[in-house]
Amino acid sequence: MKRFLCIAAVFAFAALSQVTFAQEQPPSAKPGPEHAILKEMVGTWDAVLSMAGAPNEAASKGKSVFKMELGGLWLTSAFEGDFGGMKFEGRGIDGYDQFKKKYTGVWVDSMSSTPMFFEGTRDEKTKVLTMTTEHPGPDGKLAKWKSQSSSKDKDHHTFKMFLIGEGGKDEEMFTIEYTRKK
């Protein structure tokens, strides 16, 4: 009988814990206005990458495909092209964390075994999405990075990457100009 009561108590505790846990969770995730902004990138884009500080270097070209997935909560991207004359591939996933009220992203590519975890905000006046991360820099040491994304119109998008130097000074590393394929 004691054994039965112990087992019943364990199940009752587990059931009550589930109810309490469910009550503490935020409402089910549904795409919001921030996801609609990300959705504007859905499609296939031609990409032209220019390295800052190298005006004589030919721009690299590539293609990027963006899709909204997982119930419209996540924007995935697949980039293929060349970077400094070498074949380059990258994958990204971006979303909006409704709990933190921040945009989030993860980027992985064929040039690094270290993923980039981004977090940031969008300025509603300028319509620029700014995200930051820490990732190894050109010297192999951990560095602070900043990305900025903006759209000129529905068919033209600009992505800039900056290395944040000492004193918080931004050094532009590269720019990617995206043009939507028709």
C-alpha atoms as a PDB file:
ATOM      1  CA  MET A   1       0.000   0.000   0.000  1.00  0.00           C
ATOM      2  CA  LYS A   2       2.863   2.393   0.856  1.00  0.00           C
ATOM      3  CA  ARG A   3       4.431   1.625  -2.492  1.00  0.00           C
ATOM      4  CA  PHE A   4       1.165   2.420  -4.278  1.00  0.00           C
ATOM      5  CA  LEU A   5       0.859   5.735  -2.398  1.00  0.00           C
ATOM      6  CA  CYS A   6       4.452   6.679  -3.267  1.00  0.00           C
ATOM      7  CA  ILE A   7       3.897   5.931  -6.957  1.00  0.00           C
ATOM      8  CA  ALA A   8       0.599   7.847  -6.937  1.00  0.00           C
ATOM      9  CA  ALA A   9       2.313  10.805  -5.238  1.00  0.00           C
ATOM     10  CA  VAL A  10       5.085  10.838  -7.859  1.00  0.00           C
ATOM     11  CA  PHE A  11       2.544  10.865 -10.712  1.00  0.00           C
ATOM     12  CA  ALA A  12       0.460  13.565  -9.007  1.00  0.00           C
ATOM     13  CA  PHE A  13       3.576  15.721  -8.519  1.00  0.00           C
ATOM     14  CA  ALA A  14       4.593  15.195 -12.158  1.00  0.00           C
ATOM     15  CA  ALA A  15       1.116  16.161 -13.376  1.00  0.00           C
ATOM     16  CA  LEU A  16       1.030  19.296 -11.202  1.00  0.00           C
ATOM     17  CA  SER A  17       4.527  20.251 -12.351  1.00  0.00           C
ATOM     18  CA  GLN A  18       3.431  20.025 -15.993  1.00  0.00           C
ATOM     19  CA  VAL A  19       0.403  22.237 -15.352  1.00  0.00           C
ATOM     20  CA  THR A  20       2.546  24.824 -13.529  1.00  0.00           C
ATOM     21  CA  PHE A  21       5.229  24.692 -16.242  1.00  0.00           C
ATOM     22  CA  ALA A  22       2.614  25.128 -18.977  1.00  0.00           C
ATOM     23  CA  GLN A  23       1.163  28.157 -17.176  1.00  0.00           C
ATOM     24  CA  GLU A  24       4.596  29.816 -16.940  1.00  0.00           C
ATOM     25  CA  GLN A  25       5.386  29.447 -20.640  1.00  0.00           C
ATOM     26  CA  PRO A  26       4.807  32.405 -22.944  1.00  0.00           C
ATOM     27  CA  PRO A  27       1.880  32.105 -25.333  1.00  0.00           C
ATOM     28  CA  SER A  28       2.516  29.852 -28.298  1.00  0.00           C
ATOM     29  CA  ALA A  29       4.894  31.462 -30.720  1.00  0.00           C
ATOM     30  CA  LYS A  30       3.163  33.031 -33.670  1.00  0.00           C
ATOM     31  CA  PRO A  31       4.835  35.209 -36.270  1.00  0.00           C
ATOM     32  CA  GLY A  32       4.554  38.892 -35.417  1.00  0.00           C
ATOM     33  CA  PRO A  33       5.332  42.127 -37.261  1.00  0.00           C
ATOM     34  CA  GLU A  34       9.073  41.511 -36.821  1.00  0.00           C
ATOM     35  CA  HIS A  35       8.742  38.211 -38.688  1.00  0.00           C
ATOM     36  CA  ALA A  36       6.896  40.023 -41.489  1.00  0.00           C
ATOM     37  CA  ILE A  37       9.966  42.266 -41.852  1.00  0.00           C
ATOM     38  CA  LEU A  38      12.227  39.209 -42.144  1.00  0.00           C
ATOM     39  CA  LYS A  39       9.805  37.649 -44.639  1.00  0.00           C
ATOM     40  CA  GLU A  40      10.515  40.504 -47.069  1.00  0.00           C
ATOM     41  CA  MET A  41      13.830  38.743 -47.820  1.00  0.00           C
ATOM     42  CA  VAL A  42      12.174  35.547 -49.075  1.00  0.00           C
ATOM     43  CA  GLY A  43      13.326  34.749 -52.599  1.00  0.00           C
ATOM     44  CA  THR A  44      16.423  34.230 -54.704  1.00  0.00           C
ATOM     45  CA  TRP A  45      18.952  37.043 -54.816  1.00  0.00           C
ATOM     46  CA  ASP A  46      22.090  37.838 -56.818  1.00  0.00           C
ATOM     47  CA  ALA A  47      24.828  39.024 -54.479  1.00  0.00           C
ATOM     48  CA  VAL A  48      27.875  41.209 -55.109  1.00  0.00           C
ATOM     49  CA  LEU A  49      30.427  41.270 -52.283  1.00  0.00           C
ATOM     50  CA  SER A  50      32.968  44.096 -52.061  1.00  0.00           C
ATOM     51  CA  MET A  51      35.831  44.134 -49.582  1.00  0.00           C
ATOM     52  CA  ALA A  52      36.327  47.453 -47.812  1.00  0.00           C
ATOM     53  CA  GLY A  53      39.735  48.996 -48.306  1.00  0.00           C
ATOM     54  CA  ALA A  54      40.337  47.046 -51.521  1.00  0.00           C
ATOM     55  CA  PRO A  55      38.959  49.246 -54.318  1.00  0.00           C
ATOM     56  CA  ASN A  56      41.164  47.595 -56.963  1.00  0.00           C
ATOM     57  CA  GLU A  57      40.014  44.097 -56.056  1.00  0.00           C
ATOM     58  CA  ALA A  58      37.248  42.665 -58.209  1.00  0.00           C
ATOM     59  CA  ALA A  59      33.960  42.180 -56.409  1.00  0.00           C
ATOM     60  CA  SER A  60      32.941  38.618 -55.633  1.00  0.00           C
ATOM     61  CA  LYS A  61      29.632  37.311 -56.907  1.00  0.00           C
ATOM     62  CA  GLY A  62      27.198  34.825 -55.490  1.00  0.00           C
ATOM     63  CA  LYS A  63      23.609  33.787 -55.053  1.00  0.00           C
ATOM     64  CA  SER A  64      21.510  33.587 -51.910  1.00  0.00           C
ATOM     65  CA  VAL A  65      18.179  31.861 -51.369  1.00  0.00           C
ATOM     66  CA  PHE A  66      16.006  32.946 -48.426  1.00  0.00           C
ATOM     67  CA  LYS A  67      13.004  30.972 -47.102  1.00  0.00           C
ATOM     68  CA  MET A  68      10.613  31.397 -44.169  1.00  0.00           C
ATOM     69  CA  GLU A  69      10.366  28.093 -42.331  1.00  0.00           C
ATOM     70  CA  LEU A  70       9.055  26.456 -39.167  1.00  0.00           C
ATOM     71  CA  GLY A  71       5.679  28.140 -39.134  1.00  0.00           C
ATOM     72  CA  GLY A  72       6.982  31.484 -40.372  1.00  0.00           C
ATOM     73  CA  LEU A  73       9.212  32.035 -37.335  1.00  0.00           C
ATOM     74  CA  TRP A  74      12.622  31.561 -38.957  1.00  0.00           C
ATOM     75  CA  LEU A  75      14.254  32.990 -42.076  1.00  0.00           C
ATOM     76  CA  THR A  76      16.822  30.566 -43.465  1.00  0.00           C
ATOM     77  CA  SER A  77      19.439  31.529 -46.018  1.00  0.00           C
ATOM     78  CA  ALA A  78      21.794  29.585 -48.249  1.00  0.00           C
ATOM     79  CA  PHE A  79      24.653  31.515 -49.860  1.00  0.00           C
ATOM     80  CA  GLU A  80      26.919  30.195 -52.609  1.00  0.00           C
ATOM     81  CA  GLY A  81      29.611  32.136 -54.384  1.00  0.00           C
ATOM     82  CA  ASP A  82      33.241  33.063 -54.115  1.00  0.00           C
ATOM     83  CA  PHE A  83      35.094  35.071 -51.529  1.00  0.00           C
ATOM     84  CA  GLY A  84      38.499  36.402 -52.527  1.00  0.00           C
ATOM     85  CA  GLY A  85      38.700  33.919 -55.396  1.00  0.00           C
ATOM     86  CA  MET A  86      37.817  30.889 -53.248  1.00  0.00           C
ATOM     87  CA  LYS A  87      34.561  28.950 -53.327  1.00  0.00           C
ATOM     88  CA  PHE A  88      32.403  30.023 -50.402  1.00  0.00           C
ATOM     89  CA  GLU A  89      29.197  28.645 -48.908  1.00  0.00           C
ATOM     90  CA  GLY A  90      27.246  29.848 -45.912  1.00  0.00           C
ATOM     91  CA  ARG A  91      24.006  29.123 -44.085  1.00  0.00           C
ATOM     92  CA  GLY A  92      22.036  31.405 -41.836  1.00  0.00           C
ATOM     93  CA  ILE A  93      18.950  31.306 -39.677  1.00  0.00           C
ATOM     94  CA  ASP A  94      17.382  34.511 -38.404  1.00  0.00           C
ATOM     95  CA  GLY A  95      14.346  35.196 -36.282  1.00  0.00           C
ATOM     96  CA  TYR A  96      12.844  37.411 -33.641  1.00  0.00           C
ATOM     97  CA  ASP A  97      12.944  36.325 -30.007  1.00  0.00           C
ATOM     98  CA  GLN A  98       9.565  37.444 -28.676  1.00  0.00           C
ATOM     99  CA  PHE A  99      10.734  36.860 -25.092  1.00  0.00           C
ATOM    100  CA  LYS A 100      13.903  39.000 -25.317  1.00  0.00           C
ATOM    101  CA  LYS A 101      12.364  41.418 -27.853  1.00  0.00           C
ATOM    102  CA  LYS A 102      15.483  41.077 -30.003  1.00  0.00           C
ATOM    103  CA  TYR A 103      16.347  39.827 -33.454  1.00  0.00           C
ATOM    104  CA  THR A 104      18.596  36.777 -33.363  1.00  0.00           C
ATOM    105  CA  GLY A 105      20.687  34.941 -35.912  1.00  0.00           C
ATOM    106  CA  VAL A 106      23.201  32.181 -36.428  1.00  0.00           C
ATOM    107  CA  TRP A 107      25.662  32.081 -39.325  1.00  0.00           C
ATOM    108  CA  VAL A 108      27.961  29.212 -40.332  1.00  0.00           C
ATOM    109  CA  ASP A 109      30.128  28.980 -43.429  1.00  0.00           C
ATOM    110  CA  SER A 110      32.853  27.075 -45.221  1.00  0.00           C
ATOM    111  CA  MET A 111      35.645  29.370 -43.974  1.00  0.00           C
ATOM    112  CA  SER A 112      35.239  28.840 -40.219  1.00  0.00           C
ATOM    113  CA  SER A 113      34.374  26.071 -37.779  1.00  0.00           C
ATOM    114  CA  THR A 114      33.094  28.686 -35.306  1.00  0.00           C
ATOM    115  CA  PRO A 115      29.433  29.719 -35.630  1.00  0.00           C
ATOM    116  CA  MET A 116      28.454  33.368 -35.265  1.00  0.00           C
ATOM    117  CA  PHE A 117      25.560  33.997 -32.845  1.00  0.00           C
ATOM    118  CA  PHE A 118      24.004  37.403 -33.486  1.00  0.00           C
ATOM    119  CA  GLU A 119      21.563  39.494 -31.464  1.00  0.00           C
ATOM    120  CA  GLY A 120      20.237  42.976 -32.124  1.00  0.00           C
ATOM    121  CA  THR A 121      17.501  45.471 -32.826  1.00  0.00           C
ATOM    122  CA  ARG A 122      15.928  47.313 -35.738  1.00  0.00           C
ATOM    123  CA  ASP A 123      15.722  51.092 -35.799  1.00  0.00           C
ATOM    124  CA  GLU A 124      12.183  51.862 -36.915  1.00  0.00           C
ATOM    125  CA  LYS A 125      13.128  55.333 -38.211  1.00  0.00           C
ATOM    126  CA  THR A 126      16.082  54.302 -40.383  1.00  0.00           C
ATOM    127  CA  LYS A 127      14.796  50.740 -40.944  1.00  0.00           C
ATOM    128  CA  VAL A 128      18.317  49.391 -40.267  1.00  0.00           C
ATOM    129  CA  LEU A 129      18.689  46.055 -38.479  1.00  0.00           C
ATOM    130  CA  THR A 130      21.879  46.094 -36.386  1.00  0.00           C
ATOM    131  CA  MET A 131      23.156  42.893 -34.793  1.00  0.00           C
ATOM    132  CA  THR A 132      26.336  42.152 -32.856  1.00  0.00           C
ATOM    133  CA  THR A 133      28.385  39.083 -32.063  1.00  0.00           C
ATOM    134  CA  GLU A 134      31.767  37.947 -30.798  1.00  0.00           C
ATOM    135  CA  HIS A 135      33.810  35.781 -33.137  1.00  0.00           C
ATOM    136  CA  PRO A 136      37.483  35.274 -33.970  1.00  0.00           C
ATOM    137  CA  GLY A 137      38.887  38.218 -35.924  1.00  0.00           C
ATOM    138  CA  PRO A 138      41.440  38.234 -38.749  1.00  0.00           C
ATOM    139  CA  ASP A 139      44.214  37.813 -36.159  1.00  0.00           C
ATOM    140  CA  GLY A 140      42.542  34.724 -34.656  1.00  0.00           C
ATOM    141  CA  LYS A 141      41.676  36.484 -31.392  1.00  0.00           C
ATOM    142  CA  LEU A 142      38.119  36.942 -30.148  1.00  0.00           C
ATOM    143  CA  ALA A 143      36.701  40.180 -31.538  1.00  0.00           C
ATOM    144  CA  LYS A 144      33.434  42.100 -31.549  1.00  0.00           C
ATOM    145  CA  TRP A 145      31.539  42.312 -34.830  1.00  0.00           C
ATOM    146  CA  LYS A 146      28.525  44.261 -36.006  1.00  0.00           C
ATOM    147  CA  SER A 147      26.274  43.693 -39.003  1.00  0.00           C
ATOM    148  CA  GLN A 148      23.818  46.138 -40.527  1.00  0.00           C
ATOM    149  CA  SER A 149      21.041  45.191 -42.929  1.00  0.00           C
ATOM    150  CA  SER A 150      18.853  47.624 -44.829  1.00  0.00           C
ATOM    151  CA  SER A 151      16.553  47.585 -47.845  1.00  0.00           C
ATOM    152  CA  LYS A 152      16.463  50.320 -50.463  1.00  0.00           C
ATOM    153  CA  ASP A 153      13.248  48.839 -51.839  1.00  0.00           C
ATOM    154  CA  LYS A 154      11.657  45.377 -52.140  1.00  0.00           C
ATOM    155  CA  ASP A 155      14.260  44.259 -54.700  1.00  0.00           C
ATOM    156  CA  HIS A 156      17.500  45.757 -53.299  1.00  0.00           C
ATOM    157  CA  HIS A 157      19.069  44.919 -49.960  1.00  0.00           C
ATOM    158  CA  THR A 158      22.428  45.863 -48.415  1.00  0.00           C
ATOM    159  CA  PHE A 159      24.364  43.918 -45.772  1.00  0.00           C
ATOM    160  CA  LYS A 160      27.483  45.418 -44.153  1.00  0.00           C
ATOM    161  CA  MET A 161      29.882  43.758 -41.725  1.00  0.00           C
ATOM    162  CA  PHE A 162      32.075  45.730 -39.336  1.00  0.00           C
ATOM    163  CA  LEU A 163      34.875  44.792 -36.966  1.00  0.00           C
ATOM    164  CA  ILE A 164      34.480  46.815 -33.772  1.00  0.00           C
ATOM    165  CA  GLY A 165      37.901  48.078 -32.774  1.00  0.00           C
ATOM    166  CA  GLU A 166      39.239  49.453 -29.535  1.00  0.00           C
ATOM    167  CA  GLY A 167      37.228  52.376 -28.278  1.00  0.00           C
ATOM    168  CA  GLY A 168      34.180  51.060 -30.136  1.00  0.00           C
ATOM    169  CA  LYS A 169      35.274  52.375 -33.547  1.00  0.00           C
ATOM    170  CA  ASP A 170      33.706  50.467 -36.452  1.00  0.00           C
ATOM    171  CA  GLU A 171      35.960  49.266 -39.258  1.00  0.00           C
ATOM    172  CA  GLU A 172      33.955  48.202 -42.294  1.00  0.00           C
ATOM    173  CA  MET A 173      35.110  44.804 -43.538  1.00  0.00           C
ATOM    174  CA  PHE A 174      32.775  44.124 -46.467  1.00  0.00           C
ATOM    175  CA  THR A 175      29.460  44.974 -48.095  1.00  0.00           C
ATOM    176  CA  ILE A 176      27.072  42.664 -49.910  1.00  0.00           C
ATOM    177  CA  GLU A 177      24.609  44.238 -52.340  1.00  0.00           C
ATOM    178  CA  TYR A 178      21.650  41.954 -53.019  1.00  0.00           C
ATOM    179  CA  THR A 179      19.375  42.255 -56.064  1.00  0.00           C
ATOM    180  CA  ARG A 180      16.260  40.103 -56.202  1.00  0.00           C
ATOM    181  CA  LYS A 181      16.189  37.692 -59.160  1.00  0.00           C
ATOM    182  CA  LYS A 182      13.110  38.187 -61.323  1.00  0.00           C
END
